[in-house]
């Protein structure tokens, strides 16, 4: 039985990227950036719009 994978592609900072994770905390985004950069991926990170003032910032992480 073949695997059915779905790649989500969006623009981050004007660059077309495959989304690795959405809704990541700042610490998680930094960890993913270090890991993906170590593995020779070009990483793009964008802050997601806040839904409320008391909610911490969340980030979208993608690779080109």
PDB file of N, CA and C in Angstrom:
ATOM      1  N   UNK A   1       0.844  -1.179   0.000  1.00  0.00           N
ATOM      2  CA  UNK A   1       0.000   0.000   0.000  1.00  0.00           C
ATOM      3  C   UNK A   1       0.892   1.245   0.000  1.00  0.00           C
ATOM      4  N   UNK A   2       0.740   2.130  -0.978  1.00  0.00           N
ATOM      5  CA  UNK A   2       1.596   3.314  -1.046  1.00  0.00           C
ATOM      6  C   UNK A   2       1.226   4.338   0.032  1.00  0.00           C
ATOM      7  N   UNK A   3       2.236   5.089   0.420  1.00  0.00           N
ATOM      8  CA  UNK A   3       2.009   6.185   1.352  1.00  0.00           C
ATOM      9  C   UNK A   3       1.391   7.354   0.607  1.00  0.00           C
ATOM     10  N   UNK A   4       0.470   8.014   1.238  1.00  0.00           N
ATOM     11  CA  UNK A   4      -0.143   9.201   0.648  1.00  0.00           C
ATOM     12  C   UNK A   4       0.288  10.410   1.467  1.00  0.00           C
ATOM     13  N   UNK A   5       1.252  11.132   0.940  1.00  0.00           N
ATOM     14  CA  UNK A   5       1.773  12.302   1.637  1.00  0.00           C
ATOM     15  C   UNK A   5       1.241  13.565   0.980  1.00  0.00           C
ATOM     16  N   UNK A   6       0.974  14.560   1.772  1.00  0.00           N
ATOM     17  CA  UNK A   6       0.492  15.830   1.259  1.00  0.00           C
ATOM     18  C   UNK A   6       1.479  16.915   1.676  1.00  0.00           C
ATOM     19  N   UNK A   7       2.035  17.579   0.695  1.00  0.00           N
ATOM     20  CA  UNK A   7       2.949  18.677   0.971  1.00  0.00           C
ATOM     21  C   UNK A   7       2.164  19.977   0.910  1.00  0.00           C
ATOM     22  N   UNK A   8       2.285  20.759   1.951  1.00  0.00           N
ATOM     23  CA  UNK A   8       1.646  22.067   1.978  1.00  0.00           C
ATOM     24  C   UNK A   8       2.690  23.084   1.550  1.00  0.00           C
ATOM     25  N   UNK A   9       2.370  23.832   0.517  1.00  0.00           N
ATOM     26  CA  UNK A   9       3.292  24.819  -0.025  1.00  0.00           C
ATOM     27  C   UNK A   9       2.665  26.197   0.138  1.00  0.00           C
ATOM     28  N   UNK A  10       3.442  27.110   0.712  1.00  0.00           N
ATOM     29  CA  UNK A  10       3.011  28.499   0.901  1.00  0.00           C
ATOM     30  C   UNK A  10       4.213  29.412   0.699  1.00  0.00           C
ATOM     31  N   UNK A  11       3.927  30.690   0.571  1.00  0.00           N
ATOM     32  CA  UNK A  11       4.995  31.684   0.506  1.00  0.00           C
ATOM     33  C   UNK A  11       5.292  32.207   1.898  1.00  0.00           C
ATOM     34  N   UNK A  12       6.571  32.203   2.250  1.00  0.00           N
ATOM     35  CA  UNK A  12       7.032  32.788   3.510  1.00  0.00           C
ATOM     36  C   UNK A  12       8.098  33.810   3.139  1.00  0.00           C
ATOM     37  N   UNK A  13       7.889  35.042   3.538  1.00  0.00           N
ATOM     38  CA  UNK A  13       8.827  36.128   3.242  1.00  0.00           C
ATOM     39  C   UNK A  13       9.095  36.236   1.739  1.00  0.00           C
ATOM     40  N   UNK A  14       8.056  35.987   0.928  1.00  0.00           N
ATOM     41  CA  UNK A  14       8.191  36.100  -0.515  1.00  0.00           C
ATOM     42  C   UNK A  14       8.876  34.920  -1.186  1.00  0.00           C
ATOM     43  N   UNK A  15       9.123  33.842  -0.431  1.00  0.00           N
ATOM     44  CA  UNK A  15       9.802  32.663  -0.971  1.00  0.00           C
ATOM     45  C   UNK A  15       8.855  31.471  -0.873  1.00  0.00           C
ATOM     46  N   UNK A  16       8.731  30.726  -1.971  1.00  0.00           N
ATOM     47  CA  UNK A  16       7.871  29.542  -1.982  1.00  0.00           C
ATOM     48  C   UNK A  16       8.523  28.450  -1.136  1.00  0.00           C
ATOM     49  N   UNK A  17       7.779  27.931  -0.141  1.00  0.00           N
ATOM     50  CA  UNK A  17       8.319  26.970   0.814  1.00  0.00           C
ATOM     51  C   UNK A  17       7.376  25.802   1.039  1.00  0.00           C
ATOM     52  N   UNK A  18       7.945  24.666   1.409  1.00  0.00           N
ATOM     53  CA  UNK A  18       7.172  23.543   1.925  1.00  0.00           C
ATOM     54  C   UNK A  18       7.087  23.745   3.429  1.00  0.00           C
ATOM     55  N   UNK A  19       5.874  23.710   3.967  1.00  0.00           N
ATOM     56  CA  UNK A  19       5.666  23.975   5.382  1.00  0.00           C
ATOM     57  C   UNK A  19       6.102  22.772   6.205  1.00  0.00           C
ATOM     58  N   UNK A  20       6.941  23.035   7.190  1.00  0.00           N
ATOM     59  CA  UNK A  20       7.396  21.997   8.114  1.00  0.00           C
ATOM     60  C   UNK A  20       6.477  21.959   9.320  1.00  0.00           C
ATOM     61  N   UNK A  21       6.172  23.136   9.874  1.00  0.00           N
ATOM     62  CA  UNK A  21       5.311  23.195  11.056  1.00  0.00           C
ATOM     63  C   UNK A  21       4.669  24.575  11.164  1.00  0.00           C
ATOM     64  N   UNK A  22       3.412  24.567  11.573  1.00  0.00           N
ATOM     65  CA  UNK A  22       2.688  25.804  11.860  1.00  0.00           C
ATOM     66  C   UNK A  22       2.359  25.822  13.344  1.00  0.00           C
ATOM     67  N   UNK A  23       2.281  27.014  13.904  1.00  0.00           N
ATOM     68  CA  UNK A  23       1.917  27.139  15.316  1.00  0.00           C
ATOM     69  C   UNK A  23       3.040  26.775  16.257  1.00  0.00           C
ATOM     70  N   UNK A  24       4.276  26.910  15.806  1.00  0.00           N
ATOM     71  CA  UNK A  24       5.428  26.590  16.642  1.00  0.00           C
ATOM     72  C   UNK A  24       5.757  27.756  17.571  1.00  0.00           C
ATOM     73  N   UNK A  25       6.190  27.423  18.772  1.00  0.00           N
ATOM     74  CA  UNK A  25       6.656  28.457  19.697  1.00  0.00           C
ATOM     75  C   UNK A  25       7.997  28.990  19.201  1.00  0.00           C
ATOM     76  N   UNK A  26       8.449  30.074  19.786  1.00  0.00           N
ATOM     77  CA  UNK A  26       9.737  30.665  19.386  1.00  0.00           C
ATOM     78  C   UNK A  26      10.872  29.668  19.602  1.00  0.00           C
ATOM     79  N   UNK A  27      10.846  28.961  20.726  1.00  0.00           N
ATOM     80  CA  UNK A  27      11.883  27.986  21.041  1.00  0.00           C
ATOM     81  C   UNK A  27      11.854  26.818  20.054  1.00  0.00           C
ATOM     82  N   UNK A  28      10.651  26.336  19.730  1.00  0.00           N
ATOM     83  CA  UNK A  28      10.500  25.222  18.792  1.00  0.00           C
ATOM     84  C   UNK A  28      10.970  25.635  17.397  1.00  0.00           C
ATOM     85  N   UNK A  29      10.621  26.849  16.975  1.00  0.00           N
ATOM     86  CA  UNK A  29      11.048  27.346  15.664  1.00  0.00           C
ATOM     87  C   UNK A  29      12.571  27.441  15.594  1.00  0.00           C
ATOM     88  N   UNK A  30      13.197  27.897  16.665  1.00  0.00           N
ATOM     89  CA  UNK A  30      14.658  28.001  16.704  1.00  0.00           C
ATOM     90  C   UNK A  30      15.294  26.612  16.636  1.00  0.00           C
ATOM     91  N   UNK A  31      14.712  25.647  17.360  1.00  0.00           N
ATOM     92  CA  UNK A  31      15.215  24.271  17.332  1.00  0.00           C
ATOM     93  C   UNK A  31      15.116  23.690  15.925  1.00  0.00           C
ATOM     94  N   UNK A  32      13.950  23.857  15.286  1.00  0.00           N
ATOM     95  CA  UNK A  32      13.761  23.341  13.933  1.00  0.00           C
ATOM     96  C   UNK A  32      14.707  24.017  12.944  1.00  0.00           C
ATOM     97  N   UNK A  33      14.906  25.316  13.106  1.00  0.00           N
ATOM     98  CA  UNK A  33      15.818  26.037  12.220  1.00  0.00           C
ATOM     99  C   UNK A  33      17.231  25.475  12.340  1.00  0.00           C
ATOM    100  N   UNK A  34      17.697  25.255  13.561  1.00  0.00           N
ATOM    101  CA  UNK A  34      19.041  24.695  13.763  1.00  0.00           C
ATOM    102  C   UNK A  34      19.155  23.300  13.144  1.00  0.00           C
ATOM    103  N   UNK A  35      18.160  22.477  13.383  1.00  0.00           N
ATOM    104  CA  UNK A  35      18.172  21.108  12.870  1.00  0.00           C
ATOM    105  C   UNK A  35      18.136  21.068  11.344  1.00  0.00           C
ATOM    106  N   UNK A  36      17.241  21.847  10.754  1.00  0.00           N
ATOM    107  CA  UNK A  36      17.103  21.847   9.299  1.00  0.00           C
ATOM    108  C   UNK A  36      18.306  22.488   8.611  1.00  0.00           C
ATOM    109  N   UNK A  37      18.851  23.541   9.193  1.00  0.00           N
ATOM    110  CA  UNK A  37      20.043  24.180   8.629  1.00  0.00           C
ATOM    111  C   UNK A  37      21.230  23.223   8.679  1.00  0.00           C
ATOM    112  N   UNK A  38      21.356  22.483   9.763  1.00  0.00           N
ATOM    113  CA  UNK A  38      22.418  21.483   9.892  1.00  0.00           C
ATOM    114  C   UNK A  38      22.319  20.445   8.773  1.00  0.00           C
ATOM    115  N   UNK A  39      21.100  20.143   8.344  1.00  0.00           N
ATOM    116  CA  UNK A  39      20.860  19.166   7.281  1.00  0.00           C
ATOM    117  C   UNK A  39      20.768  19.809   5.894  1.00  0.00           C
ATOM    118  N   UNK A  40      21.333  21.007   5.768  1.00  0.00           N
ATOM    119  CA  UNK A  40      21.479  21.719   4.490  1.00  0.00           C
ATOM    120  C   UNK A  40      20.174  22.168   3.847  1.00  0.00           C
ATOM    121  N   UNK A  41      19.159  22.472   4.652  1.00  0.00           N
ATOM    122  CA  UNK A  41      17.932  23.065   4.134  1.00  0.00           C
ATOM    123  C   UNK A  41      17.995  24.570   4.340  1.00  0.00           C
ATOM    124  N   UNK A  42      17.395  25.311   3.412  1.00  0.00           N
ATOM    125  CA  UNK A  42      17.247  26.753   3.587  1.00  0.00           C
ATOM    126  C   UNK A  42      15.917  26.981   4.299  1.00  0.00           C
ATOM    127  N   UNK A  43      15.965  27.592   5.469  1.00  0.00           N
ATOM    128  CA  UNK A  43      14.798  27.713   6.339  1.00  0.00           C
ATOM    129  C   UNK A  43      14.239  29.130   6.300  1.00  0.00           C
ATOM    130  N   UNK A  44      12.923  29.223   6.238  1.00  0.00           N
ATOM    131  CA  UNK A  44      12.215  30.498   6.320  1.00  0.00           C
ATOM    132  C   UNK A  44      11.262  30.415   7.512  1.00  0.00           C
ATOM    133  N   UNK A  45      11.226  31.480   8.310  1.00  0.00           N
ATOM    134  CA  UNK A  45      10.339  31.533   9.475  1.00  0.00           C
ATOM    135  C   UNK A  45       9.547  32.821   9.424  1.00  0.00           C
ATOM    136  N   UNK A  46       8.236  32.705   9.687  1.00  0.00           N
ATOM    137  CA  UNK A  46       7.366  33.882   9.709  1.00  0.00           C
ATOM    138  C   UNK A  46       6.486  33.828  10.956  1.00  0.00           C
ATOM    139  N   UNK A  47       6.288  34.983  11.569  1.00  0.00           N
ATOM    140  CA  UNK A  47       5.396  35.076  12.728  1.00  0.00           C
ATOM    141  C   UNK A  47       3.947  35.066  12.241  1.00  0.00           C
ATOM    142  N   UNK A  48       3.130  34.244  12.879  1.00  0.00           N
ATOM    143  CA  UNK A  48       1.712  34.171  12.532  1.00  0.00           C
ATOM    144  C   UNK A  48       0.975  35.328  13.199  1.00  0.00           C
ATOM    145  N   UNK A  49      -0.122  35.776  12.605  1.00  0.00           N
ATOM    146  CA  UNK A  49      -0.908  36.846  13.225  1.00  0.00           C
ATOM    147  C   UNK A  49      -1.442  36.409  14.583  1.00  0.00           C
ATOM    148  N   UNK A  50      -1.387  37.321  15.552  1.00  0.00           N
ATOM    149  CA  UNK A  50      -1.883  37.010  16.895  1.00  0.00           C
ATOM    150  C   UNK A  50      -3.404  37.025  16.911  1.00  0.00           C
ATOM    151  N   UNK A  51      -3.970  36.104  17.688  1.00  0.00           N
ATOM    152  CA  UNK A  51      -5.424  36.046  17.827  1.00  0.00           C
ATOM    153  C   UNK A  51      -5.901  36.854  19.026  1.00  0.00           C
ATOM    154  N   UNK A  52      -5.018  37.052  20.011  1.00  0.00           N
ATOM    155  CA  UNK A  52      -5.357  37.837  21.200  1.00  0.00           C
ATOM    156  C   UNK A  52      -4.072  38.440  21.756  1.00  0.00           C
ATOM    157  N   UNK A  53      -4.207  39.477  22.582  1.00  0.00           N
ATOM    158  CA  UNK A  53      -3.038  40.159  23.126  1.00  0.00           C
ATOM    159  C   UNK A  53      -2.254  39.298  24.108  1.00  0.00           C
ATOM    160  N   UNK A  54      -2.933  38.453  24.862  1.00  0.00           N
ATOM    161  CA  UNK A  54      -2.249  37.676  25.898  1.00  0.00           C
ATOM    162  C   UNK A  54      -1.691  36.341  25.392  1.00  0.00           C
ATOM    163  N   UNK A  55      -1.851  36.053  24.099  1.00  0.00           N
ATOM    164  CA  UNK A  55      -1.351  34.806  23.515  1.00  0.00           C
ATOM    165  C   UNK A  55       0.080  35.039  23.029  1.00  0.00           C
ATOM    166  N   UNK A  56       1.011  34.120  23.361  1.00  0.00           N
ATOM    167  CA  UNK A  56       2.382  34.301  22.865  1.00  0.00           C
ATOM    168  C   UNK A  56       2.441  34.142  21.356  1.00  0.00           C
ATOM    169  N   UNK A  57       3.460  34.722  20.757  1.00  0.00           N
ATOM    170  CA  UNK A  57       3.625  34.661  19.300  1.00  0.00           C
ATOM    171  C   UNK A  57       3.883  33.225  18.856  1.00  0.00           C
ATOM    172  N   UNK A  58       3.278  32.845  17.737  1.00  0.00           N
ATOM    173  CA  UNK A  58       3.504  31.536  17.140  1.00  0.00           C
ATOM    174  C   UNK A  58       4.103  31.737  15.755  1.00  0.00           C
ATOM    175  N   UNK A  59       4.825  30.733  15.270  1.00  0.00           N
ATOM    176  CA  UNK A  59       5.576  30.875  14.034  1.00  0.00           C
ATOM    177  C   UNK A  59       5.282  29.739  13.066  1.00  0.00           C
ATOM    178  N   UNK A  60       5.450  30.036  11.781  1.00  0.00           N
ATOM    179  CA  UNK A  60       5.388  29.037  10.724  1.00  0.00           C
ATOM    180  C   UNK A  60       6.796  28.823  10.233  1.00  0.00           C
ATOM    181  N   UNK A  61       7.196  27.541  10.122  1.00  0.00           N
ATOM    182  CA  UNK A  61       8.535  27.176   9.680  1.00  0.00           C
ATOM    183  C   UNK A  61       8.404  26.446   8.350  1.00  0.00           C
ATOM    184  N   UNK A  62       9.205  26.871   7.376  1.00  0.00           N
ATOM    185  CA  UNK A  62       9.186  26.228   6.067  1.00  0.00           C
ATOM    186  C   UNK A  62      10.581  26.082   5.514  1.00  0.00           C
ATOM    187  N   UNK A  63      10.715  25.201   4.512  1.00  0.00           N
ATOM    188  CA  UNK A  63      11.999  25.023   3.827  1.00  0.00           C
ATOM    189  C   UNK A  63      11.795  25.231   2.332  1.00  0.00           C
ATOM    190  N   UNK A  64      12.830  25.733   1.673  1.00  0.00           N
ATOM    191  CA  UNK A  64      12.737  25.976   0.246  1.00  0.00           C
ATOM    192  C   UNK A  64      13.085  24.719  -0.528  1.00  0.00           C
TER     193      UNK A  64
END
